[in-house]
Every structure is written in structure tokens, then in C-alpha cells.
Amino acid sequence: MATTNAEDQRKAAELQARLANAGDKATTSSNDFARVPNVSIDAGAHKYVLISACLPGGNIRENFVVSRRGAEYHRDAAEPFIEILERNNYSSIRILGGGRIALDIANKTCSIYGYSYGFGLADHAMSKAVVERDDRYNDYDITWSNEGY
């Protein structure tokens, strides 16, 4: 698994700047959109990001926890999910930070830890709360720590 480099940090900064410049652009009413699930994590240990966005047509902000198998850098987990949010007219999209998430389906555990060089440390307690609200993980032991990378 790769750690960051200057090019990744530059691309992460460009993504953050693009999102900041996009502002509150949304093109549909709150009644005309596909709701995006708040949790999208792949089984295994992978880099993850905590993303926030406003629902289409309003100012209701939601948080999303996203990991992606094979993501070399945290932005590789973020970018495909951001595209989904943008296609569904979510606005004010922000990457709040990142880390690692280890989802063990067999043992029903989910560990959230570490940090992202490109996006900074995510609020892992917030990430844990997002995962806990997803019914698919009701019987999982979900933990978080700021330790590790």
C-alpha cells in the first residue's frame, strides 16, 4: 500500500480547491434525486475518507464514510464517490479527512484508524457514528483510534 508523495498531495489539494470553488451548486429540487448511501466501505483494510455534502435542494448536510479496495491514495477512494454525489446533485461537498478502515465481515468487526497525508486526520468518532447508523452494521463491533497509519 503506497504512502503519499508530492504529486498525490498536489492532486489532493487540487481536488479540495475544486470542491471549494464549486460552492453550493445544485440543479434539482430535493424531491428529484437519488439518495446516495452514507456508507460505502469495501471488505478488508483500505484507505478511507470522511466526506460531507448537502442534500439536493437544501441545506441539510450529511456525512459519508467511503473506502475503496485498491485505492493507492486517499483521493482514489474520494474521487469516484464525489462523482456519484455530483451526478446526484449534492452540493457543498467537502472531504473532512481520511485514515484507514478495516472491515472484517466474517468476524463482524470494523476498525477505523490512522490519517491521510493528503486530506488530514478524519474525525474517526464521527466516522464511527456514520457507520453505526447504517443498518448493515448493526451487529458489528465498531471501534476507532487515532493511532496507526
Foldseek 3Di string as FASTA:
>chain_A
DAADDPVLLVVLVVVQVVQVVQAFDFDDALVDFDDDQQEAEDAAKFKKWKKWWARGRDRDIDIHIWGDPPQNAHVSGVVVVVVVCVVRRTGSMHTQWIAMWHQDPVQLEIEGEETHPNRTRHPVVVVQVSVCVDPVSVPHHYYYDHDDD
